[in-house]
N, C-alpha and C. Protein backbone atom coordinates (compact mmCIF):
# COMPACT_ATOMS: atom_id res chain seq x y z
N MET A 1 170.45 191.76 60.87
CA MET A 1 171.78 192.36 60.99
C MET A 1 172.89 191.30 60.84
N THR A 2 172.58 190.10 61.26
CA THR A 2 173.54 189.02 61.04
C THR A 2 172.77 187.78 60.63
N SER A 3 173.38 186.96 59.78
CA SER A 3 172.74 185.74 59.32
C SER A 3 173.72 184.58 59.45
N ARG A 4 173.10 183.39 59.67
CA ARG A 4 173.92 182.18 59.78
C ARG A 4 173.14 181.07 59.12
N VAL A 5 173.78 180.34 58.26
CA VAL A 5 173.16 179.20 57.57
C VAL A 5 174.00 177.96 57.88
N GLU A 6 173.33 176.97 58.50
CA GLU A 6 174.02 175.76 58.93
C GLU A 6 173.22 174.52 58.47
N PRO A 7 173.81 173.34 58.52
CA PRO A 7 173.09 172.11 58.14
C PRO A 7 171.87 171.89 59.04
N ALA A 8 170.95 171.09 58.54
CA ALA A 8 169.67 170.88 59.25
C ALA A 8 169.81 170.15 60.57
N ASN A 9 170.94 169.47 60.80
CA ASN A 9 171.10 168.72 62.03
C ASN A 9 171.65 169.58 63.17
N ILE A 10 171.80 170.87 62.96
CA ILE A 10 172.26 171.79 63.99
C ILE A 10 171.04 172.35 64.74
N THR A 11 171.07 172.31 66.07
CA THR A 11 169.93 172.81 66.82
C THR A 11 169.88 174.33 66.82
N ASP A 12 168.67 174.89 66.89
CA ASP A 12 168.51 176.34 66.89
C ASP A 12 169.24 176.99 68.05
N GLY A 13 169.13 176.37 69.24
CA GLY A 13 169.74 176.97 70.43
C GLY A 13 171.24 177.19 70.31
N SER A 14 171.89 176.27 69.60
CA SER A 14 173.38 176.39 69.48
C SER A 14 173.78 177.52 68.55
N LEU A 15 172.85 178.05 67.76
CA LEU A 15 173.16 179.14 66.82
C LEU A 15 173.04 180.52 67.43
N LEU A 16 172.28 180.62 68.55
CA LEU A 16 171.98 181.93 69.08
C LEU A 16 173.24 182.63 69.60
N HIS A 17 174.05 181.94 70.36
CA HIS A 17 175.26 182.56 70.94
C HIS A 17 176.21 183.07 69.85
N PRO A 18 176.51 182.29 68.80
CA PRO A 18 177.37 182.82 67.73
C PRO A 18 176.75 184.05 67.03
N LEU A 19 175.41 184.09 66.88
CA LEU A 19 174.76 185.23 66.26
C LEU A 19 174.96 186.48 67.09
N LEU A 20 174.78 186.35 68.39
CA LEU A 20 174.97 187.48 69.29
C LEU A 20 176.42 187.95 69.32
N GLU A 21 177.35 187.00 69.28
CA GLU A 21 178.75 187.38 69.25
C GLU A 21 179.09 188.11 67.94
N ALA A 22 178.50 187.68 66.84
CA ALA A 22 178.74 188.37 65.57
C ALA A 22 178.18 189.77 65.61
N GLY A 23 177.02 189.96 66.23
CA GLY A 23 176.46 191.31 66.37
C GLY A 23 177.36 192.22 67.17
N ARG A 24 177.94 191.67 68.23
CA ARG A 24 178.82 192.49 69.07
C ARG A 24 180.10 192.87 68.32
N SER A 25 180.72 191.90 67.64
CA SER A 25 182.00 192.15 67.02
C SER A 25 181.90 193.02 65.75
N ARG A 26 180.84 192.79 64.95
CA ARG A 26 180.72 193.49 63.69
C ARG A 26 179.99 194.84 63.82
N LEU A 27 179.02 194.87 64.69
CA LEU A 27 178.16 196.05 64.76
C LEU A 27 178.19 196.78 66.11
N ASN A 28 178.94 196.22 67.05
CA ASN A 28 178.98 196.75 68.41
C ASN A 28 177.55 196.92 68.99
N PHE A 29 176.76 195.88 68.71
CA PHE A 29 175.34 195.89 69.14
C PHE A 29 175.05 194.64 69.97
N SER A 30 174.40 194.81 71.08
CA SER A 30 174.01 193.68 71.92
C SER A 30 172.62 193.96 72.50
N PRO A 31 171.63 193.10 72.21
CA PRO A 31 170.28 193.34 72.72
C PRO A 31 170.21 193.03 74.22
N ASP A 32 169.21 193.58 74.86
CA ASP A 32 168.96 193.27 76.28
C ASP A 32 168.03 192.06 76.42
N VAL A 33 167.11 191.91 75.44
CA VAL A 33 166.11 190.86 75.50
C VAL A 33 166.03 190.17 74.13
N VAL A 34 165.93 188.86 74.15
CA VAL A 34 165.67 188.08 72.96
C VAL A 34 164.39 187.26 73.19
N VAL A 35 163.38 187.49 72.33
CA VAL A 35 162.14 186.71 72.41
C VAL A 35 162.20 185.67 71.30
N ALA A 36 162.19 184.39 71.70
CA ALA A 36 162.49 183.32 70.76
C ALA A 36 161.38 182.26 70.78
N ASP A 37 161.43 181.33 69.79
CA ASP A 37 160.47 180.25 69.76
C ASP A 37 161.00 179.08 70.59
N MET A 38 160.28 177.94 70.53
CA MET A 38 160.58 176.83 71.39
C MET A 38 161.91 176.16 71.05
N GLY A 39 162.45 176.46 69.88
CA GLY A 39 163.75 175.90 69.52
C GLY A 39 164.88 176.40 70.40
N TYR A 40 164.62 177.47 71.19
CA TYR A 40 165.65 178.08 72.02
C TYR A 40 165.35 177.89 73.52
N VAL A 41 164.59 176.86 73.86
CA VAL A 41 164.11 176.70 75.24
C VAL A 41 165.19 176.11 76.15
N ASP A 42 166.33 175.72 75.61
CA ASP A 42 167.38 175.06 76.41
C ASP A 42 167.78 175.90 77.62
N GLN A 43 167.75 175.24 78.79
CA GLN A 43 168.00 175.95 80.05
C GLN A 43 169.45 176.45 80.20
N GLU A 44 170.38 175.64 79.74
CA GLU A 44 171.78 176.01 79.88
C GLU A 44 172.13 177.24 79.04
N THR A 45 171.54 177.30 77.83
CA THR A 45 171.76 178.48 76.97
C THR A 45 171.22 179.74 77.63
N LYS A 46 170.04 179.65 78.19
CA LYS A 46 169.46 180.80 78.89
C LYS A 46 170.31 181.25 80.06
N LYS A 47 170.80 180.30 80.83
CA LYS A 47 171.63 180.64 81.98
C LYS A 47 172.94 181.27 81.53
N LEU A 48 173.54 180.73 80.48
CA LEU A 48 174.81 181.28 79.97
C LEU A 48 174.62 182.74 79.54
N LEU A 49 173.60 183.02 78.79
CA LEU A 49 173.35 184.38 78.30
C LEU A 49 173.01 185.32 79.45
N ARG A 50 172.30 184.85 80.43
CA ARG A 50 171.92 185.68 81.58
C ARG A 50 173.12 186.04 82.42
N THR A 51 173.91 185.04 82.78
CA THR A 51 175.01 185.25 83.70
C THR A 51 176.25 185.88 83.05
N ARG A 52 176.51 185.53 81.78
CA ARG A 52 177.72 186.03 81.16
C ARG A 52 177.49 187.35 80.40
N HIS A 53 176.29 187.54 79.84
CA HIS A 53 176.04 188.70 79.01
C HIS A 53 174.92 189.59 79.52
N GLY A 54 174.27 189.21 80.60
CA GLY A 54 173.18 190.03 81.12
C GLY A 54 172.03 190.13 80.17
N LEU A 55 171.75 189.05 79.45
CA LEU A 55 170.70 189.05 78.41
C LEU A 55 169.58 188.12 78.81
N ALA A 56 168.34 188.61 78.62
CA ALA A 56 167.15 187.82 78.93
C ALA A 56 166.69 187.10 77.67
N LEU A 57 166.70 185.75 77.71
CA LEU A 57 166.18 184.93 76.61
C LEU A 57 164.82 184.40 77.06
N LEU A 58 163.77 184.85 76.37
CA LEU A 58 162.42 184.53 76.80
C LEU A 58 161.77 183.60 75.78
N THR A 59 161.26 182.46 76.25
CA THR A 59 160.47 181.55 75.42
C THR A 59 159.28 181.06 76.24
N ARG A 60 158.33 180.48 75.57
CA ARG A 60 157.25 179.81 76.30
C ARG A 60 157.76 178.53 76.92
N ALA A 61 157.04 178.02 77.91
CA ALA A 61 157.39 176.75 78.55
C ALA A 61 156.87 175.58 77.72
N LYS A 62 157.64 174.49 77.70
CA LYS A 62 157.18 173.28 77.02
C LYS A 62 156.05 172.64 77.82
N SER A 63 155.23 171.88 77.11
CA SER A 63 154.06 171.27 77.76
C SER A 63 154.42 170.30 78.87
N ASN A 64 155.62 169.70 78.79
CA ASN A 64 156.04 168.75 79.81
C ASN A 64 156.84 169.41 80.94
N MET A 65 156.96 170.71 80.93
CA MET A 65 157.68 171.43 81.98
C MET A 65 156.77 171.71 83.16
N ALA A 66 157.31 171.63 84.36
CA ALA A 66 156.57 171.97 85.56
C ALA A 66 157.26 173.14 86.26
N PRO A 67 156.52 174.10 86.77
CA PRO A 67 157.16 175.21 87.49
C PRO A 67 157.78 174.74 88.80
N PRO A 68 158.66 175.55 89.36
CA PRO A 68 159.29 175.18 90.67
C PRO A 68 158.22 174.99 91.76
N ARG A 69 158.56 174.25 92.79
CA ARG A 69 157.61 173.98 93.87
C ARG A 69 157.17 175.23 94.59
N SER A 70 158.01 176.24 94.59
CA SER A 70 157.68 177.49 95.28
C SER A 70 156.73 178.36 94.49
N CYS A 71 156.31 177.89 93.31
CA CYS A 71 155.50 178.69 92.41
C CYS A 71 154.08 178.11 92.21
N ASP A 72 153.21 179.00 91.75
CA ASP A 72 151.86 178.59 91.35
C ASP A 72 151.97 177.86 90.02
N GLU A 73 150.82 177.41 89.49
CA GLU A 73 150.81 176.59 88.28
C GLU A 73 151.29 177.36 87.07
N ASP A 74 151.21 178.69 87.06
CA ASP A 74 151.71 179.45 85.92
C ASP A 74 153.12 179.98 86.14
N GLY A 75 153.76 179.53 87.23
CA GLY A 75 155.14 179.92 87.49
C GLY A 75 155.34 181.13 88.39
N CYS A 76 154.26 181.65 88.97
CA CYS A 76 154.35 182.83 89.84
C CYS A 76 154.72 182.36 91.24
N PRO A 77 155.83 182.86 91.82
CA PRO A 77 156.22 182.49 93.16
C PRO A 77 155.17 182.85 94.23
N CYS A 78 155.09 182.00 95.26
CA CYS A 78 154.16 182.21 96.35
C CYS A 78 154.90 182.26 97.68
N CYS A 79 154.33 182.94 98.65
CA CYS A 79 154.91 182.95 100.00
C CYS A 79 154.65 181.59 100.67
N PRO A 80 155.23 181.31 101.83
CA PRO A 80 155.01 180.00 102.49
C PRO A 80 153.56 179.72 102.78
N GLN A 81 152.71 180.78 102.86
CA GLN A 81 151.31 180.54 103.14
C GLN A 81 150.48 180.35 101.86
N GLY A 82 151.12 180.49 100.70
CA GLY A 82 150.42 180.26 99.45
C GLY A 82 149.95 181.50 98.71
N GLN A 83 150.28 182.69 99.23
CA GLN A 83 149.88 183.93 98.56
C GLN A 83 150.76 184.21 97.34
N ARG A 84 150.12 184.43 96.18
CA ARG A 84 150.87 184.83 94.98
C ARG A 84 151.54 186.19 95.21
N LEU A 85 152.79 186.27 94.81
CA LEU A 85 153.57 187.48 95.05
C LEU A 85 153.69 188.32 93.78
N THR A 86 154.06 189.57 93.95
CA THR A 86 154.20 190.50 92.82
C THR A 86 155.67 190.72 92.52
N TRP A 87 156.02 190.52 91.23
CA TRP A 87 157.42 190.68 90.83
C TRP A 87 157.79 192.16 90.81
N GLU A 88 158.93 192.49 91.41
CA GLU A 88 159.43 193.87 91.40
C GLU A 88 160.51 194.06 90.34
N ARG A 89 161.61 193.26 90.42
CA ARG A 89 162.72 193.40 89.45
C ARG A 89 163.72 192.28 89.68
N TYR A 90 164.58 192.14 88.70
CA TYR A 90 165.72 191.23 88.81
C TYR A 90 166.95 192.02 89.22
N VAL A 91 167.65 191.55 90.25
CA VAL A 91 168.85 192.21 90.76
C VAL A 91 170.08 191.40 90.32
N MET A 92 170.83 191.93 89.35
CA MET A 92 171.94 191.18 88.80
C MET A 92 173.05 190.97 89.83
N GLU A 93 173.24 191.95 90.74
CA GLU A 93 174.34 191.82 91.69
C GLU A 93 174.17 190.59 92.61
N THR A 94 172.93 190.32 92.97
CA THR A 94 172.65 189.16 93.85
C THR A 94 172.09 187.97 93.08
N ASP A 95 171.92 188.14 91.76
CA ASP A 95 171.36 187.05 90.92
C ASP A 95 170.07 186.54 91.50
N SER A 96 169.13 187.46 91.77
CA SER A 96 167.86 187.04 92.38
C SER A 96 166.75 188.02 91.96
N HIS A 97 165.53 187.52 92.06
CA HIS A 97 164.32 188.34 91.81
C HIS A 97 163.79 188.83 93.14
N LEU A 98 163.33 190.07 93.17
CA LEU A 98 162.64 190.59 94.33
C LEU A 98 161.13 190.54 94.12
N TYR A 99 160.44 189.96 95.10
CA TYR A 99 158.98 189.85 95.06
C TYR A 99 158.40 190.45 96.35
N TYR A 100 157.20 190.99 96.21
CA TYR A 100 156.51 191.58 97.37
C TYR A 100 155.06 191.07 97.39
N PRO A 101 154.47 191.00 98.60
CA PRO A 101 153.08 190.61 98.69
C PRO A 101 152.20 191.69 98.02
N PRO A 102 151.11 191.32 97.40
CA PRO A 102 150.22 192.33 96.81
C PRO A 102 149.57 193.18 97.90
N ASP A 103 149.14 194.38 97.52
CA ASP A 103 148.54 195.29 98.50
C ASP A 103 147.29 194.70 99.15
N GLU A 104 146.49 193.97 98.34
CA GLU A 104 145.24 193.43 98.86
C GLU A 104 145.21 191.90 98.62
N GLY A 105 146.23 191.19 99.02
CA GLY A 105 146.26 189.76 98.85
C GLY A 105 145.20 189.07 99.68
N GLU A 106 144.50 188.13 99.10
CA GLU A 106 143.39 187.46 99.82
C GLU A 106 143.94 186.67 101.04
N ILE A 107 145.04 185.98 100.84
CA ILE A 107 145.59 185.20 101.96
C ILE A 107 146.23 186.16 102.99
N CYS A 108 146.84 187.25 102.51
CA CYS A 108 147.48 188.22 103.43
C CYS A 108 146.46 188.80 104.42
N MET A 109 145.22 188.99 103.98
CA MET A 109 144.22 189.60 104.85
C MET A 109 143.86 188.74 106.05
N ILE A 110 144.01 187.42 105.88
CA ILE A 110 143.61 186.54 106.99
C ILE A 110 144.80 185.73 107.56
N CYS A 111 146.02 186.09 107.11
CA CYS A 111 147.21 185.33 107.48
C CYS A 111 147.56 185.52 108.97
N ALA A 112 147.75 184.38 109.66
CA ALA A 112 148.10 184.48 111.09
C ALA A 112 149.55 184.91 111.28
N GLU A 113 150.36 184.80 110.21
CA GLU A 113 151.79 185.18 110.32
C GLU A 113 152.03 186.59 109.76
N LYS A 114 150.97 187.36 109.60
CA LYS A 114 151.10 188.66 108.94
C LYS A 114 152.07 189.59 109.68
N SER A 115 152.07 189.56 110.99
CA SER A 115 152.96 190.46 111.75
C SER A 115 154.41 190.07 111.62
N GLN A 116 154.68 188.82 111.22
CA GLN A 116 156.03 188.36 111.09
C GLN A 116 156.43 188.16 109.60
N CYS A 117 155.65 188.71 108.71
CA CYS A 117 155.90 188.52 107.27
C CYS A 117 157.23 189.19 106.87
N GLU A 118 157.98 188.52 106.04
CA GLU A 118 159.24 189.08 105.58
C GLU A 118 159.08 190.29 104.66
N ILE A 119 157.91 190.45 104.08
CA ILE A 119 157.59 191.56 103.18
C ILE A 119 158.35 191.44 101.87
N GLU A 120 159.67 191.25 101.90
CA GLU A 120 160.46 191.12 100.70
C GLU A 120 160.94 189.68 100.56
N PHE A 121 160.65 189.09 99.38
CA PHE A 121 161.02 187.71 99.11
C PHE A 121 161.98 187.65 97.94
N LYS A 122 162.93 186.76 98.01
CA LYS A 122 163.92 186.59 96.94
C LYS A 122 163.80 185.18 96.36
N PHE A 123 163.86 185.14 95.00
CA PHE A 123 163.85 183.84 94.33
C PHE A 123 164.95 183.86 93.26
N SER A 124 165.60 182.74 93.11
CA SER A 124 166.72 182.63 92.16
C SER A 124 166.24 182.12 90.82
N PRO A 125 166.75 182.70 89.70
CA PRO A 125 166.43 182.17 88.37
C PRO A 125 166.94 180.75 88.19
N ASP A 126 167.90 180.33 89.01
CA ASP A 126 168.43 178.96 88.91
C ASP A 126 167.36 177.91 89.20
N GLU A 127 166.27 178.29 89.88
CA GLU A 127 165.20 177.36 90.14
C GLU A 127 164.58 176.85 88.86
N HIS A 128 164.48 177.72 87.84
CA HIS A 128 163.97 177.31 86.53
C HIS A 128 164.18 178.48 85.57
N GLU A 129 165.07 178.30 84.60
CA GLU A 129 165.45 179.38 83.72
C GLU A 129 164.29 179.83 82.79
N THR A 130 163.35 178.94 82.52
CA THR A 130 162.21 179.36 81.66
C THR A 130 161.17 180.09 82.45
N TYR A 131 160.78 179.58 83.59
CA TYR A 131 159.75 180.23 84.41
C TYR A 131 160.31 181.45 85.15
N LEU A 132 161.55 181.35 85.60
CA LEU A 132 162.13 182.43 86.43
C LEU A 132 163.45 182.94 85.89
N GLY A 133 163.53 183.11 84.58
CA GLY A 133 164.72 183.68 84.00
C GLY A 133 164.85 185.15 84.35
N MET A 134 165.66 185.85 83.62
CA MET A 134 165.84 187.28 83.91
C MET A 134 164.52 188.05 83.88
N ILE A 135 163.62 187.64 82.97
CA ILE A 135 162.27 188.19 82.94
C ILE A 135 161.31 187.01 83.22
N PRO A 136 160.67 186.95 84.38
CA PRO A 136 159.79 185.81 84.71
C PRO A 136 158.68 185.66 83.66
N LEU A 137 158.38 184.41 83.37
CA LEU A 137 157.37 184.10 82.34
C LEU A 137 156.00 184.62 82.73
N HIS A 138 155.67 184.60 84.03
CA HIS A 138 154.34 185.00 84.48
C HIS A 138 154.17 186.52 84.55
N SER A 139 155.26 187.28 84.54
CA SER A 139 155.17 188.73 84.73
C SER A 139 154.46 189.40 83.60
N ARG A 140 153.95 190.59 83.86
CA ARG A 140 153.23 191.31 82.81
C ARG A 140 154.16 191.62 81.63
N LEU A 141 155.43 191.95 81.94
CA LEU A 141 156.37 192.24 80.87
C LEU A 141 156.62 190.98 80.04
N GLY A 142 156.81 189.83 80.70
CA GLY A 142 157.02 188.60 79.98
C GLY A 142 155.85 188.26 79.08
N GLU A 143 154.64 188.40 79.59
CA GLU A 143 153.46 188.09 78.82
C GLU A 143 153.31 188.99 77.63
N GLN A 144 153.57 190.28 77.81
CA GLN A 144 153.45 191.24 76.71
C GLN A 144 154.47 190.95 75.61
N LEU A 145 155.68 190.59 76.00
CA LEU A 145 156.71 190.29 75.01
C LEU A 145 156.32 189.09 74.14
N LEU A 146 155.76 188.08 74.78
CA LEU A 146 155.38 186.85 74.05
C LEU A 146 154.10 187.03 73.27
N VAL A 147 153.14 187.79 73.81
CA VAL A 147 151.83 187.95 73.17
C VAL A 147 151.86 189.00 72.08
N ARG A 148 152.60 190.09 72.31
CA ARG A 148 152.54 191.20 71.36
C ARG A 148 153.73 191.26 70.41
N ILE A 149 154.93 190.91 70.89
CA ILE A 149 156.12 191.06 70.07
C ILE A 149 156.40 189.83 69.23
N ARG A 150 156.32 188.65 69.83
CA ARG A 150 156.67 187.42 69.12
C ARG A 150 155.83 187.23 67.83
N PRO A 151 154.51 187.45 67.82
CA PRO A 151 153.74 187.29 66.58
C PRO A 151 154.21 188.19 65.46
N LEU A 152 154.74 189.37 65.78
CA LEU A 152 155.24 190.28 64.72
C LEU A 152 156.45 189.65 64.02
N VAL A 153 157.29 188.98 64.81
CA VAL A 153 158.47 188.35 64.24
C VAL A 153 158.09 187.16 63.38
N GLU A 154 157.14 186.35 63.87
CA GLU A 154 156.67 185.18 63.12
C GLU A 154 156.12 185.58 61.77
N ALA A 155 155.36 186.67 61.74
CA ALA A 155 154.77 187.14 60.44
C ALA A 155 155.86 187.49 59.47
N GLY A 156 156.95 188.07 59.96
CA GLY A 156 158.06 188.42 59.09
C GLY A 156 158.70 187.20 58.45
N PHE A 157 158.88 186.14 59.26
CA PHE A 157 159.46 184.93 58.73
C PHE A 157 158.56 184.33 57.63
N GLU A 158 157.25 184.32 57.90
CA GLU A 158 156.31 183.72 56.95
C GLU A 158 156.28 184.51 55.66
N THR A 159 156.36 185.83 55.77
CA THR A 159 156.35 186.68 54.58
C THR A 159 157.56 186.41 53.72
N ASP A 160 158.73 186.29 54.33
CA ASP A 160 159.96 186.00 53.56
C ASP A 160 159.85 184.65 52.87
N LYS A 161 159.35 183.66 53.59
CA LYS A 161 159.26 182.32 53.01
C LYS A 161 158.38 182.33 51.78
N ASN A 162 157.25 183.06 51.84
CA ASN A 162 156.30 183.07 50.72
C ASN A 162 156.80 183.99 49.59
N ARG A 163 157.37 185.14 49.94
CA ARG A 163 157.80 186.11 48.92
C ARG A 163 158.93 185.57 48.09
N PHE A 164 159.85 184.89 48.73
CA PHE A 164 161.02 184.36 48.01
C PHE A 164 160.91 182.87 47.68
N ASN A 165 159.71 182.31 47.95
CA ASN A 165 159.48 180.88 47.65
C ASN A 165 160.53 179.98 48.29
N LEU A 166 160.97 180.35 49.51
CA LEU A 166 162.01 179.56 50.14
C LEU A 166 161.56 178.13 50.50
N GLY A 167 160.25 177.98 50.71
CA GLY A 167 159.74 176.65 51.01
C GLY A 167 159.82 175.69 49.86
N GLY A 168 160.03 176.22 48.62
CA GLY A 168 160.10 175.37 47.47
C GLY A 168 161.51 174.84 47.16
N PHE A 169 162.47 175.20 48.01
CA PHE A 169 163.85 174.79 47.78
C PHE A 169 164.25 173.65 48.71
N PHE A 170 164.91 172.64 48.16
CA PHE A 170 165.64 171.65 48.96
C PHE A 170 167.06 171.61 48.43
N LEU A 171 167.99 172.05 49.23
CA LEU A 171 169.35 172.20 48.79
C LEU A 171 170.27 171.29 49.58
N ASN A 172 171.03 170.45 48.88
CA ASN A 172 171.98 169.56 49.59
C ASN A 172 173.39 170.12 49.56
N SER A 173 173.53 171.40 49.15
CA SER A 173 174.81 172.07 49.15
C SER A 173 174.75 173.24 50.14
N LEU A 174 175.58 173.23 51.15
CA LEU A 174 175.58 174.29 52.14
C LEU A 174 175.98 175.63 51.52
N GLU A 175 176.93 175.61 50.57
CA GLU A 175 177.35 176.84 49.96
C GLU A 175 176.22 177.48 49.13
N ILE A 176 175.46 176.67 48.40
CA ILE A 176 174.35 177.20 47.62
C ILE A 176 173.27 177.73 48.57
N ALA A 177 173.02 177.00 49.67
CA ALA A 177 172.05 177.44 50.64
C ALA A 177 172.43 178.80 51.25
N ARG A 178 173.72 178.96 51.53
CA ARG A 178 174.17 180.25 52.08
C ARG A 178 174.04 181.36 51.07
N THR A 179 174.38 181.06 49.83
CA THR A 179 174.24 182.08 48.76
C THR A 179 172.77 182.50 48.62
N LEU A 180 171.88 181.52 48.61
CA LEU A 180 170.45 181.85 48.50
C LEU A 180 169.98 182.69 49.68
N SER A 181 170.48 182.36 50.87
CA SER A 181 170.12 183.12 52.07
C SER A 181 170.59 184.56 51.97
N TYR A 182 171.82 184.76 51.46
CA TYR A 182 172.34 186.12 51.33
C TYR A 182 171.53 186.91 50.29
N PHE A 183 171.09 186.24 49.23
CA PHE A 183 170.23 186.91 48.25
C PHE A 183 168.92 187.34 48.88
N ALA A 184 168.36 186.46 49.72
CA ALA A 184 167.09 186.77 50.39
C ALA A 184 167.28 187.97 51.33
N ASP A 185 168.40 187.97 52.06
CA ASP A 185 168.69 189.10 52.95
C ASP A 185 168.82 190.40 52.16
N ALA A 186 169.54 190.31 51.01
CA ALA A 186 169.75 191.50 50.18
C ALA A 186 168.43 192.02 49.68
N CYS A 187 167.52 191.11 49.28
CA CYS A 187 166.19 191.51 48.80
C CYS A 187 165.43 192.24 49.91
N ASN A 188 165.54 191.72 51.14
CA ASN A 188 164.86 192.39 52.25
C ASN A 188 165.38 193.79 52.46
N ILE A 189 166.71 193.95 52.44
CA ILE A 189 167.30 195.27 52.65
C ILE A 189 166.88 196.24 51.56
N LEU A 190 166.89 195.78 50.31
CA LEU A 190 166.45 196.64 49.18
C LEU A 190 164.99 196.99 49.30
N THR A 191 164.16 196.01 49.70
CA THR A 191 162.73 196.28 49.85
C THR A 191 162.45 197.30 50.92
N ILE A 192 163.09 197.16 52.08
CA ILE A 192 162.89 198.11 53.16
C ILE A 192 163.37 199.50 52.74
N THR A 193 164.55 199.53 52.09
CA THR A 193 165.09 200.83 51.66
C THR A 193 164.14 201.53 50.68
N SER A 194 163.57 200.78 49.75
CA SER A 194 162.65 201.40 48.78
C SER A 194 161.38 201.84 49.47
N GLU A 195 160.89 201.09 50.42
CA GLU A 195 159.64 201.48 51.11
C GLU A 195 159.85 202.70 52.01
N PHE A 196 161.07 202.92 52.50
CA PHE A 196 161.35 204.12 53.25
C PHE A 196 161.09 205.35 52.37
N ARG A 197 161.29 205.22 51.08
CA ARG A 197 161.12 206.36 50.19
C ARG A 197 159.67 206.58 49.78
N SER A 198 158.81 205.62 50.07
CA SER A 198 157.42 205.74 49.69
C SER A 198 156.61 206.34 50.83
N HIS A 199 155.28 206.35 50.68
CA HIS A 199 154.43 206.94 51.70
C HIS A 199 154.35 206.07 52.97
N HIS A 200 154.95 204.84 52.89
CA HIS A 200 154.94 203.99 54.08
C HIS A 200 156.15 204.27 54.95
N GLY A 201 156.99 205.18 54.56
CA GLY A 201 158.24 205.42 55.29
C GLY A 201 158.03 205.74 56.75
N ARG A 202 157.04 206.58 57.05
CA ARG A 202 156.83 206.94 58.45
C ARG A 202 156.42 205.75 59.29
N ARG A 203 155.59 204.89 58.73
CA ARG A 203 155.16 203.71 59.47
C ARG A 203 156.38 202.78 59.75
N LEU A 204 157.21 202.57 58.78
CA LEU A 204 158.36 201.69 58.96
C LEU A 204 159.33 202.26 59.97
N LYS A 205 159.57 203.58 59.95
CA LYS A 205 160.46 204.19 60.91
C LYS A 205 159.92 204.04 62.34
N LYS A 206 158.61 204.18 62.46
CA LYS A 206 157.98 204.04 63.76
C LYS A 206 158.15 202.62 64.28
């Protein structure tokens, strides 16, 4: 819906906010969730989009990242006794996640503090925007978005690169690069439009 072509020394993360702004101004469209690659892992960008636009930017964690101390090795928050908790939802008004003990938690069954358990636990995304952003990385929703949705996007990028032979171009002119990009976008729009008219139309609409 929107395209941006910039020099190679521009980081991916710095392009996301202008793209979203263009979508809002031109199309009156704003997504709730963006599933991105590691080029968009910047913590400040994620926090800005979450707090200012109510948007969840989800990426995998870098190999050198460590989850918060209150969390398990995969980023799942634990109670003070070490029981992994179950994510309920993100509450924008309080800028916090609600977690509850599982119904049959192993530690809960033998916990000496069970009668004094808080039952409801709150964790802030500020602890780590990648592990505990608007959609926690360990949650079932987060895992499904990364495992099921992200590969579909990657395949689209690879198809475009091969179909239009974009990998065979090295352009030292930004204007020519932008023109080529617009041609590639136009080809995509024409291809999708033509396939809508074929027997694949129902699949594409779905």
